[in-house]
Amino acid sequence: MHRILLTITLILFGALTVTALWQHGYWGIIAPHFQSFGGGQVLADLVIALTLAIVWMWHDAKATGRNAWPWIIATLVLGSFGPLIYLLTRKPASAVQK
């Protein structure tokens, strides 16, 4: 069930991202965050959330025997796609504990 929700989220978020890139380009997505305090707050919130995701992925990857660096780099370059794909490719907790 979790993998289905992650897959649906990844597909919908991917479609939204492709549409935004197609209509506005990369800088068109980033620029509004520097034009007001509201936009800056959204950017700061994203940075905080992704930093927390990176810290969690680092600890989880070490605990499950995975290399964290590809996921950290993916998060820094692709944003939320990094943690979403990490979770999608993560083995279930029951399989990890064996």
N, C-alpha and C. Protein backbone atom coordinates (compact mmCIF):
# COMPACT_ATOMS: atom_id res chain seq x y z
N MET A 1 0.81 -1.19 0.00
CA MET A 1 0.00 0.00 0.00
C MET A 1 0.86 1.26 0.00
N HIS A 2 1.94 1.25 0.81
CA HIS A 2 2.82 2.42 0.86
C HIS A 2 3.50 2.67 -0.48
N ARG A 3 3.93 1.60 -1.13
CA ARG A 3 4.59 1.75 -2.42
C ARG A 3 3.63 2.32 -3.47
N ILE A 4 2.37 1.94 -3.38
CA ILE A 4 1.38 2.48 -4.32
C ILE A 4 1.23 3.98 -4.10
N LEU A 5 1.11 4.40 -2.84
CA LEU A 5 0.99 5.82 -2.54
C LEU A 5 2.24 6.59 -2.96
N LEU A 6 3.41 6.02 -2.72
CA LEU A 6 4.65 6.67 -3.13
C LEU A 6 4.72 6.78 -4.66
N THR A 7 4.32 5.73 -5.34
CA THR A 7 4.34 5.75 -6.81
C THR A 7 3.37 6.79 -7.35
N ILE A 8 2.18 6.84 -6.81
CA ILE A 8 1.20 7.84 -7.25
C ILE A 8 1.72 9.25 -6.98
N THR A 9 2.29 9.47 -5.80
CA THR A 9 2.85 10.78 -5.46
C THR A 9 3.97 11.15 -6.41
N LEU A 10 4.85 10.20 -6.69
CA LEU A 10 5.97 10.45 -7.59
C LEU A 10 5.49 10.79 -9.00
N ILE A 11 4.51 10.06 -9.48
CA ILE A 11 3.97 10.32 -10.83
C ILE A 11 3.29 11.69 -10.90
N LEU A 12 2.44 11.99 -9.93
CA LEU A 12 1.73 13.28 -9.94
C LEU A 12 2.69 14.45 -9.76
N PHE A 13 3.64 14.32 -8.83
CA PHE A 13 4.62 15.38 -8.61
C PHE A 13 5.52 15.53 -9.84
N GLY A 14 5.86 14.41 -10.46
CA GLY A 14 6.66 14.46 -11.68
C GLY A 14 5.93 15.18 -12.80
N ALA A 15 4.64 14.90 -12.95
CA ALA A 15 3.84 15.57 -13.98
C ALA A 15 3.75 17.07 -13.70
N LEU A 16 3.55 17.44 -12.45
CA LEU A 16 3.51 18.86 -12.08
C LEU A 16 4.85 19.53 -12.37
N THR A 17 5.94 18.86 -12.05
CA THR A 17 7.27 19.41 -12.27
C THR A 17 7.56 19.59 -13.75
N VAL A 18 7.23 18.58 -14.55
CA VAL A 18 7.44 18.67 -16.00
C VAL A 18 6.63 19.81 -16.59
N THR A 19 5.39 19.95 -16.15
CA THR A 19 4.54 21.03 -16.64
C THR A 19 5.11 22.40 -16.25
N ALA A 20 5.54 22.54 -15.01
CA ALA A 20 6.12 23.81 -14.55
C ALA A 20 7.40 24.13 -15.32
N LEU A 21 8.25 23.13 -15.53
CA LEU A 21 9.48 23.35 -16.29
C LEU A 21 9.17 23.73 -17.73
N TRP A 22 8.18 23.09 -18.31
CA TRP A 22 7.80 23.36 -19.70
C TRP A 22 7.26 24.79 -19.84
N GLN A 23 6.44 25.22 -18.88
CA GLN A 23 5.82 26.53 -18.97
C GLN A 23 6.73 27.67 -18.53
N HIS A 24 7.58 27.43 -17.54
CA HIS A 24 8.35 28.53 -16.92
C HIS A 24 9.86 28.36 -16.97
N GLY A 25 10.35 27.17 -17.22
CA GLY A 25 11.78 26.92 -17.17
C GLY A 25 12.26 26.80 -15.72
N TYR A 26 13.50 26.39 -15.58
CA TYR A 26 14.04 26.16 -14.23
C TYR A 26 14.08 27.46 -13.43
N TRP A 27 14.61 28.52 -14.03
CA TRP A 27 14.71 29.78 -13.29
C TRP A 27 13.33 30.35 -12.99
N GLY A 28 12.36 30.09 -13.85
CA GLY A 28 11.00 30.55 -13.61
C GLY A 28 10.35 29.91 -12.39
N ILE A 29 10.81 28.73 -12.03
CA ILE A 29 10.33 28.07 -10.81
C ILE A 29 11.01 28.65 -9.58
N ILE A 30 12.29 28.98 -9.70
CA ILE A 30 13.07 29.45 -8.56
C ILE A 30 12.88 30.95 -8.29
N ALA A 31 12.84 31.76 -9.33
CA ALA A 31 12.85 33.23 -9.19
C ALA A 31 11.77 33.79 -8.27
N PRO A 32 10.54 33.32 -8.30
CA PRO A 32 9.52 33.92 -7.43
C PRO A 32 9.84 33.85 -5.94
N HIS A 33 10.69 32.91 -5.55
CA HIS A 33 11.04 32.77 -4.14
C HIS A 33 11.95 33.89 -3.65
N PHE A 34 12.50 34.66 -4.56
CA PHE A 34 13.38 35.76 -4.19
C PHE A 34 12.70 37.12 -4.35
N GLN A 35 11.41 37.13 -4.68
CA GLN A 35 10.71 38.37 -4.95
C GLN A 35 9.87 38.88 -3.80
N SER A 36 9.66 38.07 -2.77
CA SER A 36 8.88 38.51 -1.62
C SER A 36 9.27 37.69 -0.39
N PHE A 37 8.87 38.20 0.77
CA PHE A 37 9.13 37.44 2.00
C PHE A 37 8.32 36.15 2.01
N GLY A 38 7.13 36.17 1.41
CA GLY A 38 6.32 34.95 1.33
C GLY A 38 7.01 33.88 0.51
N GLY A 39 7.54 34.27 -0.63
CA GLY A 39 8.28 33.32 -1.45
C GLY A 39 9.53 32.83 -0.75
N GLY A 40 10.21 33.74 -0.05
CA GLY A 40 11.41 33.37 0.71
C GLY A 40 11.09 32.39 1.82
N GLN A 41 9.92 32.57 2.43
CA GLN A 41 9.51 31.65 3.49
C GLN A 41 9.29 30.25 2.93
N VAL A 42 8.66 30.17 1.77
CA VAL A 42 8.42 28.87 1.13
C VAL A 42 9.76 28.20 0.78
N LEU A 43 10.70 28.97 0.26
CA LEU A 43 12.03 28.43 -0.07
C LEU A 43 12.75 27.95 1.19
N ALA A 44 12.69 28.76 2.25
CA ALA A 44 13.33 28.37 3.52
C ALA A 44 12.70 27.09 4.07
N ASP A 45 11.38 26.98 3.98
CA ASP A 45 10.68 25.79 4.44
C ASP A 45 11.12 24.56 3.65
N LEU A 46 11.27 24.71 2.34
CA LEU A 46 11.72 23.62 1.50
C LEU A 46 13.14 23.19 1.87
N VAL A 47 14.01 24.16 2.09
CA VAL A 47 15.40 23.85 2.47
C VAL A 47 15.43 23.11 3.80
N ILE A 48 14.64 23.58 4.78
CA ILE A 48 14.60 22.91 6.08
C ILE A 48 14.07 21.49 5.94
N ALA A 49 12.98 21.31 5.21
CA ALA A 49 12.38 19.98 5.04
C ALA A 49 13.33 19.02 4.33
N LEU A 50 14.00 19.50 3.28
CA LEU A 50 14.93 18.63 2.56
C LEU A 50 16.17 18.33 3.38
N THR A 51 16.60 19.28 4.21
CA THR A 51 17.74 19.02 5.11
C THR A 51 17.38 17.92 6.10
N LEU A 52 16.17 18.00 6.67
CA LEU A 52 15.72 16.95 7.57
C LEU A 52 15.63 15.60 6.85
N ALA A 53 15.16 15.61 5.61
CA ALA A 53 15.08 14.37 4.83
C ALA A 53 16.47 13.80 4.58
N ILE A 54 17.43 14.67 4.28
CA ILE A 54 18.80 14.21 4.04
C ILE A 54 19.38 13.59 5.30
N VAL A 55 19.18 14.22 6.45
CA VAL A 55 19.69 13.68 7.72
C VAL A 55 19.05 12.32 7.98
N TRP A 56 17.73 12.22 7.78
CA TRP A 56 17.06 10.94 7.99
C TRP A 56 17.59 9.88 7.03
N MET A 57 17.73 10.24 5.75
CA MET A 57 18.24 9.27 4.76
C MET A 57 19.64 8.80 5.13
N TRP A 58 20.47 9.72 5.60
CA TRP A 58 21.84 9.37 6.01
C TRP A 58 21.82 8.30 7.09
N HIS A 59 21.03 8.54 8.14
CA HIS A 59 20.95 7.56 9.24
C HIS A 59 20.29 6.26 8.80
N ASP A 60 19.23 6.35 8.02
CA ASP A 60 18.54 5.15 7.56
C ASP A 60 19.42 4.34 6.62
N ALA A 61 20.13 5.00 5.73
CA ALA A 61 21.00 4.29 4.80
C ALA A 61 22.11 3.55 5.55
N LYS A 62 22.69 4.21 6.55
CA LYS A 62 23.72 3.54 7.35
C LYS A 62 23.15 2.34 8.08
N ALA A 63 21.94 2.48 8.63
CA ALA A 63 21.33 1.39 9.39
C ALA A 63 20.93 0.22 8.50
N THR A 64 20.64 0.49 7.24
CA THR A 64 20.19 -0.58 6.34
C THR A 64 21.27 -1.03 5.37
N GLY A 65 22.49 -0.50 5.51
CA GLY A 65 23.60 -0.94 4.67
C GLY A 65 23.59 -0.36 3.27
N ARG A 66 22.96 0.79 3.09
CA ARG A 66 22.92 1.43 1.77
C ARG A 66 23.91 2.60 1.74
N ASN A 67 24.32 2.96 0.55
CA ASN A 67 25.17 4.13 0.36
C ASN A 67 24.27 5.35 0.30
N ALA A 68 24.47 6.30 1.20
CA ALA A 68 23.60 7.47 1.30
C ALA A 68 23.92 8.53 0.25
N TRP A 69 25.15 8.57 -0.25
CA TRP A 69 25.57 9.67 -1.12
C TRP A 69 24.76 9.83 -2.40
N PRO A 70 24.41 8.77 -3.11
CA PRO A 70 23.59 8.99 -4.31
C PRO A 70 22.26 9.68 -3.99
N TRP A 71 21.69 9.36 -2.85
CA TRP A 71 20.40 9.92 -2.46
C TRP A 71 20.55 11.36 -1.99
N ILE A 72 21.64 11.65 -1.32
CA ILE A 72 21.90 13.03 -0.90
C ILE A 72 22.11 13.91 -2.12
N ILE A 73 22.92 13.44 -3.06
CA ILE A 73 23.16 14.21 -4.29
C ILE A 73 21.86 14.38 -5.08
N ALA A 74 21.07 13.31 -5.18
CA ALA A 74 19.79 13.40 -5.89
C ALA A 74 18.88 14.43 -5.23
N THR A 75 18.88 14.49 -3.91
CA THR A 75 18.04 15.47 -3.20
C THR A 75 18.54 16.88 -3.44
N LEU A 76 19.85 17.08 -3.43
CA LEU A 76 20.40 18.42 -3.67
C LEU A 76 20.13 18.89 -5.09
N VAL A 77 20.11 17.97 -6.05
CA VAL A 77 19.92 18.33 -7.46
C VAL A 77 18.44 18.33 -7.85
N LEU A 78 17.70 17.34 -7.37
CA LEU A 78 16.32 17.13 -7.83
C LEU A 78 15.26 17.45 -6.79
N GLY A 79 15.66 17.89 -5.61
CA GLY A 79 14.69 18.23 -4.56
C GLY A 79 14.00 16.99 -4.02
N SER A 80 12.69 17.08 -3.90
CA SER A 80 11.89 16.02 -3.27
C SER A 80 11.92 14.70 -4.02
N PHE A 81 12.37 14.71 -5.27
CA PHE A 81 12.48 13.44 -6.00
C PHE A 81 13.47 12.50 -5.32
N GLY A 82 14.54 13.03 -4.72
CA GLY A 82 15.53 12.20 -4.04
C GLY A 82 14.92 11.36 -2.94
N PRO A 83 14.28 11.99 -1.93
CA PRO A 83 13.66 11.20 -0.86
C PRO A 83 12.52 10.30 -1.34
N LEU A 84 11.74 10.77 -2.31
CA LEU A 84 10.64 9.93 -2.81
C LEU A 84 11.17 8.65 -3.45
N ILE A 85 12.21 8.77 -4.26
CA ILE A 85 12.77 7.58 -4.90
C ILE A 85 13.50 6.71 -3.88
N TYR A 86 14.15 7.35 -2.90
CA TYR A 86 14.80 6.59 -1.82
C TYR A 86 13.76 5.72 -1.12
N LEU A 87 12.64 6.32 -0.75
CA LEU A 87 11.59 5.56 -0.06
C LEU A 87 11.01 4.47 -0.95
N LEU A 88 10.88 4.76 -2.22
CA LEU A 88 10.32 3.78 -3.15
C LEU A 88 11.24 2.58 -3.33
N THR A 89 12.54 2.80 -3.25
CA THR A 89 13.50 1.71 -3.44
C THR A 89 13.96 1.08 -2.12
N ARG A 90 13.48 1.59 -1.02
CA ARG A 90 13.86 1.08 0.31
C ARG A 90 13.19 -0.26 0.57
N LYS A 91 13.96 -1.17 1.13
CA LYS A 91 13.40 -2.48 1.49
C LYS A 91 12.50 -2.30 2.72
N PRO A 92 11.45 -3.11 2.81
CA PRO A 92 10.58 -3.04 4.01
C PRO A 92 11.38 -3.30 5.28
N ALA A 93 10.95 -2.70 6.38
CA ALA A 93 11.66 -2.83 7.66
C ALA A 93 11.82 -4.28 8.08
N SER A 94 10.83 -5.12 7.81
CA SER A 94 10.92 -6.53 8.19
C SER A 94 12.03 -7.24 7.43
N ALA A 95 12.27 -6.86 6.18
CA ALA A 95 13.33 -7.49 5.38
C ALA A 95 14.70 -7.01 5.83
N VAL A 96 14.79 -5.78 6.33
CA VAL A 96 16.07 -5.21 6.75
C VAL A 96 16.53 -5.82 8.06
N GLN A 97 15.62 -6.12 8.98
CA GLN A 97 15.97 -6.60 10.31
C GLN A 97 16.44 -8.05 10.31
N LYS A 98 16.19 -8.80 9.26
CA LYS A 98 16.57 -10.22 9.23
C LYS A 98 18.05 -10.41 9.14
